[in-house]
């Protein structure tokens, strides 16, 4: 590894849920990324349970599991505020899957006040457990526009479908307006909680917070391409079954890529992390990690 290349540390919040599965796919993804683009780059992947471990991270995954349990354990471990600072103040790259998507939303319904807290970072309202009980979980093939085309003749040169696992999954039921403060209008709804606002710090963070929410995927059969934007989708006919979104540094999926053995989304996300970290270091004019204070 060249002396002027700093490692990128990606953490997986390991308080509850499928964190070890994410670690395995991250390692697999790093090998694939290196094969696709063999640059002098070093990745480190670690489980995060303490503030000291979080402080070492450049990027973070919040895994699927029970969002209430993750929130409560984070609060008892004094990690909720550092997580908000990581995501909303410093605007470090963060990905939430299923329960992680709920925690990263600015508003969540079907939630009793005092039952859990949100981290925030995505200007969306999520509908928790949209598809019903665990016995109503399902697996479905998705064509994810942000993944690269395969070029394989057996699928017409298109993308290989991604088998998405939905277990008591949320959906994004509303894209919220970008606000400097909290989404207070959402709190007037029954059984809806909102995330506390936090002001971004630094040029990179302030630029990221002003970006609109991108719809990255919705359920099959309800997709239409936006004009002149073939890689972006929108729901048809008022459908609210949005299952993947991105806003600046924050990415969220309703489903569990970590339970599939398919590392393509992890490969894509690590590529986005690499670009974000390179941009941050260039703008900061330093070659060291940007840490939380």
Protein backbone atom coordinates (compact mmCIF):
# COMPACT_ATOMS: atom_id res chain seq x y z
CA UNK A 1 0.00 0.00 0.00
CA UNK A 2 1.40 3.38 -0.94
CA UNK A 3 2.33 5.63 1.95
CA UNK A 4 -0.02 8.43 0.90
CA UNK A 5 -3.05 6.12 0.59
CA UNK A 6 -5.02 5.97 3.80
CA UNK A 7 -7.20 2.94 4.61
CA UNK A 8 -10.96 3.34 4.51
CA UNK A 9 -12.62 1.97 7.64
CA UNK A 10 -16.17 0.71 7.21
CA UNK A 11 -18.05 -0.20 10.37
CA UNK A 12 -21.18 -2.27 10.84
CA UNK A 13 -23.28 -1.38 13.89
CA UNK A 14 -23.26 -4.62 15.88
CA UNK A 15 -25.80 -4.02 18.63
CA UNK A 16 -28.43 -6.42 17.23
CA UNK A 17 -29.39 -7.93 13.90
CA UNK A 18 -27.55 -9.29 10.86
CA UNK A 19 -24.24 -7.49 11.31
CA UNK A 20 -21.91 -10.46 10.74
CA UNK A 21 -23.56 -11.18 7.38
CA UNK A 22 -22.78 -7.62 6.28
CA UNK A 23 -19.15 -8.04 7.28
CA UNK A 24 -18.86 -11.19 5.17
CA UNK A 25 -20.37 -9.53 2.10
CA UNK A 26 -18.22 -6.42 2.56
CA UNK A 27 -15.09 -8.56 2.44
CA UNK A 28 -16.41 -10.32 -0.65
CA UNK A 29 -17.31 -6.97 -2.23
CA UNK A 30 -13.87 -5.51 -1.57
CA UNK A 31 -12.30 -8.37 -3.52
CA UNK A 32 -14.71 -7.83 -6.40
CA UNK A 33 -14.07 -4.09 -6.39
CA UNK A 34 -10.34 -4.65 -6.47
CA UNK A 35 -10.72 -6.99 -9.46
CA UNK A 36 -12.83 -4.41 -11.30
CA UNK A 37 -10.57 -1.47 -10.48
CA UNK A 38 -7.18 -2.56 -9.16
CA UNK A 39 -6.05 0.61 -7.42
CA UNK A 40 -3.82 0.82 -4.38
CA UNK A 41 -6.55 0.92 -1.73
CA UNK A 42 -6.96 -0.74 1.63
CA UNK A 43 -10.31 -1.50 3.26
CA UNK A 44 -10.87 -2.33 6.92
CA UNK A 45 -14.21 -3.72 8.10
CA UNK A 46 -15.14 -3.80 11.77
CA UNK A 47 -18.05 -4.41 14.12
CA UNK A 48 -19.09 -1.27 16.01
CA UNK A 49 -20.39 -1.48 19.58
CA UNK A 50 -18.63 1.41 21.29
CA UNK A 51 -17.97 5.10 20.73
CA UNK A 52 -14.25 4.41 20.32
CA UNK A 53 -15.00 1.97 17.49
CA UNK A 54 -17.39 4.43 15.82
CA UNK A 55 -14.76 7.17 15.94
CA UNK A 56 -12.50 5.03 13.76
CA UNK A 57 -15.05 4.70 10.95
CA UNK A 58 -15.22 6.54 7.65
CA UNK A 59 -18.51 4.86 6.71
CA UNK A 60 -21.15 2.81 8.50
CA UNK A 61 -23.83 0.18 7.86
CA UNK A 62 -26.84 -0.13 10.17
CA UNK A 63 -28.10 -3.68 9.62
CA UNK A 64 -31.49 -5.32 9.53
CA UNK A 65 -32.93 -6.61 12.79
CA UNK A 66 -35.32 -4.97 15.25
CA UNK A 67 -35.20 -1.20 14.99
CA UNK A 68 -36.62 -0.76 18.49
CA UNK A 69 -33.99 -3.07 19.99
CA UNK A 70 -31.16 -1.36 18.10
CA UNK A 71 -32.40 2.07 19.20
CA UNK A 72 -32.76 1.06 22.86
CA UNK A 73 -29.34 -0.61 23.01
CA UNK A 74 -27.76 2.39 21.28
CA UNK A 75 -29.36 4.72 23.82
CA UNK A 76 -28.16 2.60 26.76
CA UNK A 77 -24.68 2.47 25.21
CA UNK A 78 -24.62 6.27 24.81
CA UNK A 79 -24.31 5.84 21.03
CA UNK A 80 -27.45 7.57 19.77
CA UNK A 81 -26.02 11.08 19.80
CA UNK A 82 -22.65 10.02 18.33
CA UNK A 83 -24.56 8.18 15.58
CA UNK A 84 -26.56 11.33 14.81
CA UNK A 85 -23.33 13.29 14.69
CA UNK A 86 -21.77 10.70 12.37
CA UNK A 87 -24.73 10.69 9.98
CA UNK A 88 -26.26 14.18 10.22
CA UNK A 89 -23.50 16.51 11.42
CA UNK A 90 -20.44 15.05 9.70
CA UNK A 91 -22.53 13.44 6.91
CA UNK A 92 -20.35 10.35 6.62
CA UNK A 93 -21.49 7.63 4.18
CA UNK A 94 -24.13 5.49 5.89
CA UNK A 95 -26.32 2.62 4.65
CA UNK A 96 -29.31 1.20 6.50
CA UNK A 97 -31.02 -2.08 5.61
CA UNK A 98 -34.60 -2.76 6.78
CA UNK A 99 -34.41 -1.78 10.46
CA UNK A 100 -31.49 0.46 9.50
CA UNK A 101 -33.72 2.27 7.00
CA UNK A 102 -36.27 2.92 9.75
CA UNK A 103 -33.60 4.36 12.04
CA UNK A 104 -32.21 6.61 9.29
CA UNK A 105 -35.63 8.05 8.39
CA UNK A 106 -36.63 11.50 9.60
CA UNK A 107 -40.11 10.16 10.42
CA UNK A 108 -41.56 6.72 11.13
CA UNK A 109 -45.17 5.73 11.66
CA UNK A 110 -46.74 2.80 13.55
CA UNK A 111 -44.43 3.80 16.40
CA UNK A 112 -45.47 4.64 19.94
CA UNK A 113 -43.78 7.74 21.29
CA UNK A 114 -41.15 6.75 23.81
CA UNK A 115 -40.83 3.28 22.28
CA UNK A 116 -37.75 4.11 20.26
CA UNK A 117 -35.78 7.00 18.82
CA UNK A 118 -34.59 7.72 15.30
CA UNK A 119 -31.17 8.75 14.06
CA UNK A 120 -32.42 10.49 10.92
CA UNK A 121 -30.60 11.60 7.80
CA UNK A 122 -33.14 10.68 5.11
CA UNK A 123 -35.98 13.14 4.51
CA UNK A 124 -38.59 10.39 4.27
CA UNK A 125 -41.40 8.92 6.31
CA UNK A 126 -41.29 5.13 6.56
CA UNK A 127 -44.19 2.79 7.09
CA UNK A 128 -42.88 0.19 9.51
CA UNK A 129 -43.68 -3.47 8.93
CA UNK A 130 -45.60 -2.54 5.77
CA UNK A 131 -45.96 -6.11 4.49
CA UNK A 132 -47.28 -7.68 7.69
CA UNK A 133 -46.05 -10.35 10.05
CA UNK A 134 -42.85 -12.37 9.74
CA UNK A 135 -44.75 -15.34 8.25
CA UNK A 136 -45.66 -13.04 5.36
CA UNK A 137 -42.01 -12.43 4.48
CA UNK A 138 -41.03 -13.02 0.86
CA UNK A 139 -38.21 -13.08 -1.69
CA UNK A 140 -38.58 -11.33 -5.04
CA UNK A 141 -36.38 -10.64 -8.07
CA UNK A 142 -35.56 -6.96 -8.51
CA UNK A 143 -34.02 -5.08 -11.40
CA UNK A 144 -31.99 -2.44 -9.59
CA UNK A 145 -31.15 0.41 -12.00
CA UNK A 146 -28.09 1.55 -10.04
CA UNK A 147 -26.31 -1.79 -10.50
CA UNK A 148 -24.19 -2.17 -13.65
CA UNK A 149 -25.36 -4.08 -16.71
CA UNK A 150 -23.93 -7.58 -16.93
CA UNK A 151 -23.43 -7.86 -20.68
CA UNK A 152 -24.44 -11.53 -20.47
CA UNK A 153 -26.20 -12.89 -23.56
CA UNK A 154 -28.53 -15.17 -21.55
CA UNK A 155 -30.29 -12.13 -20.07
CA UNK A 156 -30.11 -10.01 -23.20
CA UNK A 157 -27.16 -8.02 -21.98
CA UNK A 158 -29.23 -6.66 -19.09
CA UNK A 159 -28.81 -6.90 -15.34
CA UNK A 160 -28.97 -10.17 -13.49
CA UNK A 161 -32.00 -9.87 -11.17
CA UNK A 162 -31.24 -9.27 -7.51
CA UNK A 163 -33.06 -11.65 -5.16
CA UNK A 164 -34.31 -9.32 -2.45
CA UNK A 165 -35.34 -10.68 0.95
CA UNK A 166 -38.19 -8.84 2.71
CA UNK A 167 -38.73 -9.70 6.39
CA UNK A 168 -41.28 -7.53 8.23
CA UNK A 169 -39.98 -4.83 5.94
CA UNK A 170 -40.74 -1.10 5.90
CA UNK A 171 -41.35 0.99 2.81
CA UNK A 172 -40.82 4.68 2.17
CA UNK A 173 -44.37 5.99 2.01
CA UNK A 174 -43.57 9.69 1.63
CA UNK A 175 -40.69 11.86 0.45
CA UNK A 176 -40.51 14.81 2.84
CA UNK A 177 -39.43 18.37 2.03
CA UNK A 178 -35.86 19.32 2.84
CA UNK A 179 -35.84 21.31 6.07
CA UNK A 180 -33.15 22.89 8.18
CA UNK A 181 -35.03 21.89 11.32
CA UNK A 182 -37.06 18.82 12.35
CA UNK A 183 -40.00 17.52 10.32
CA UNK A 184 -42.46 18.85 12.90
CA UNK A 185 -45.53 18.42 10.68
CA UNK A 186 -45.01 14.66 10.75
CA UNK A 187 -45.17 14.57 14.53
CA UNK A 188 -48.83 15.65 14.40
CA UNK A 189 -49.75 12.27 12.86
CA UNK A 190 -50.89 9.45 15.12
CA UNK A 191 -48.18 6.98 16.16
CA UNK A 192 -45.52 8.87 14.22
CA UNK A 193 -42.14 9.89 15.61
CA UNK A 194 -39.52 12.21 14.15
CA UNK A 195 -35.76 12.45 14.41
CA UNK A 196 -34.17 15.42 16.17
CA UNK A 197 -32.50 17.90 13.84
CA UNK A 198 -28.75 18.41 13.80
CA UNK A 199 -26.93 21.09 11.81
CA UNK A 200 -24.28 19.81 9.35
CA UNK A 201 -20.70 20.96 9.77
CA UNK A 202 -18.16 21.46 7.01
CA UNK A 203 -18.46 22.12 3.27
CA UNK A 204 -19.02 18.47 2.33
CA UNK A 205 -21.73 17.97 4.96
CA UNK A 206 -23.58 21.16 4.08
CA UNK A 207 -23.59 20.23 0.41
CA UNK A 208 -24.89 16.73 1.14
CA UNK A 209 -27.76 17.88 3.34
CA UNK A 210 -29.21 20.02 0.57
CA UNK A 211 -29.56 17.18 -1.92
CA UNK A 212 -33.02 15.80 -2.71
CA UNK A 213 -34.06 12.25 -1.97
CA UNK A 214 -33.42 9.92 -4.92
CA UNK A 215 -35.74 6.96 -5.42
CA UNK A 216 -33.39 4.08 -6.23
CA UNK A 217 -35.91 1.21 -6.50
CA UNK A 218 -39.58 0.33 -6.11
CA UNK A 219 -41.37 -2.99 -6.38
CA UNK A 220 -41.55 -4.66 -9.83
CA UNK A 221 -44.44 -3.86 -12.12
CA UNK A 222 -44.79 -0.36 -10.73
CA UNK A 223 -41.79 1.35 -12.28
CA UNK A 224 -41.54 4.17 -14.80
CA UNK A 225 -38.40 5.92 -16.00
CA UNK A 226 -38.19 9.61 -15.35
CA UNK A 227 -37.68 11.68 -18.51
CA UNK A 228 -34.00 11.80 -19.54
CA UNK A 229 -33.01 9.94 -16.37
CA UNK A 230 -32.96 6.24 -17.25
CA UNK A 231 -31.33 5.22 -13.97
CA UNK A 232 -33.93 6.88 -11.77
CA UNK A 233 -37.38 5.47 -11.04
CA UNK A 234 -40.63 6.82 -9.72
CA UNK A 235 -43.81 5.05 -8.59
CA UNK A 236 -46.70 4.81 -11.03
CA UNK A 237 -50.33 5.38 -10.19
CA UNK A 238 -49.61 6.82 -6.77
CA UNK A 239 -47.87 3.68 -5.56
CA UNK A 240 -45.89 4.20 -2.38
CA UNK A 241 -43.92 0.95 -2.50
CA UNK A 242 -40.53 2.66 -2.54
CA UNK A 243 -37.92 0.20 -1.31
CA UNK A 244 -34.58 1.97 -1.81
CA UNK A 245 -33.62 5.64 -1.48
CA UNK A 246 -30.53 7.80 -1.29
CA UNK A 247 -29.99 11.36 -0.09
CA UNK A 248 -26.47 12.67 -0.19
CA UNK A 249 -24.41 10.48 2.07
CA UNK A 250 -27.27 8.28 3.28
CA UNK A 251 -28.59 5.16 1.51
CA UNK A 252 -31.46 2.96 2.66
CA UNK A 253 -33.03 -0.31 1.51
CA UNK A 254 -36.22 -1.98 2.76
CA UNK A 255 -34.83 -5.43 2.06
CA UNK A 256 -31.87 -7.46 3.31
CA UNK A 257 -29.01 -7.70 0.76
CA UNK A 258 -26.85 -9.18 3.52
CA UNK A 259 -28.98 -12.35 3.60
CA UNK A 260 -28.55 -13.22 -0.08
CA UNK A 261 -24.87 -13.99 -0.60
CA UNK A 262 -25.02 -11.56 -3.54
CA UNK A 263 -22.47 -8.79 -2.95
CA UNK A 264 -23.36 -6.54 -5.91
CA UNK A 265 -25.08 -3.85 -3.83
CA UNK A 266 -22.16 -3.91 -1.40
CA UNK A 267 -19.76 -3.52 -4.35
CA UNK A 268 -21.75 -0.55 -5.63
CA UNK A 269 -21.95 1.05 -2.17
CA UNK A 270 -18.23 0.64 -1.49
CA UNK A 271 -17.61 2.39 -4.80
CA UNK A 272 -19.81 5.26 -3.63
CA UNK A 273 -17.98 5.33 -0.29
CA UNK A 274 -14.63 5.48 -2.05
CA UNK A 275 -15.77 8.45 -4.16
CA UNK A 276 -17.22 10.23 -1.13
CA UNK A 277 -14.07 9.78 0.95
CA UNK A 278 -11.82 10.91 -1.91
CA UNK A 279 -13.98 13.99 -2.40
CA UNK A 280 -13.95 14.77 1.32
CA UNK A 281 -10.19 14.43 1.60
CA UNK A 282 -9.65 16.56 -1.48
CA UNK A 283 -11.93 19.33 -0.20
CA UNK A 284 -10.44 19.18 3.26
CA UNK A 285 -6.95 19.35 1.81
CA UNK A 286 -5.67 16.66 4.14
CA UNK A 287 -4.63 13.03 3.85
CA UNK A 288 -5.82 11.86 7.23
CA UNK A 289 -9.13 10.49 8.43
CA UNK A 290 -11.79 12.99 9.31
CA UNK A 291 -12.91 11.96 12.77
CA UNK A 292 -15.72 13.00 15.03
CA UNK A 293 -14.62 15.58 17.60
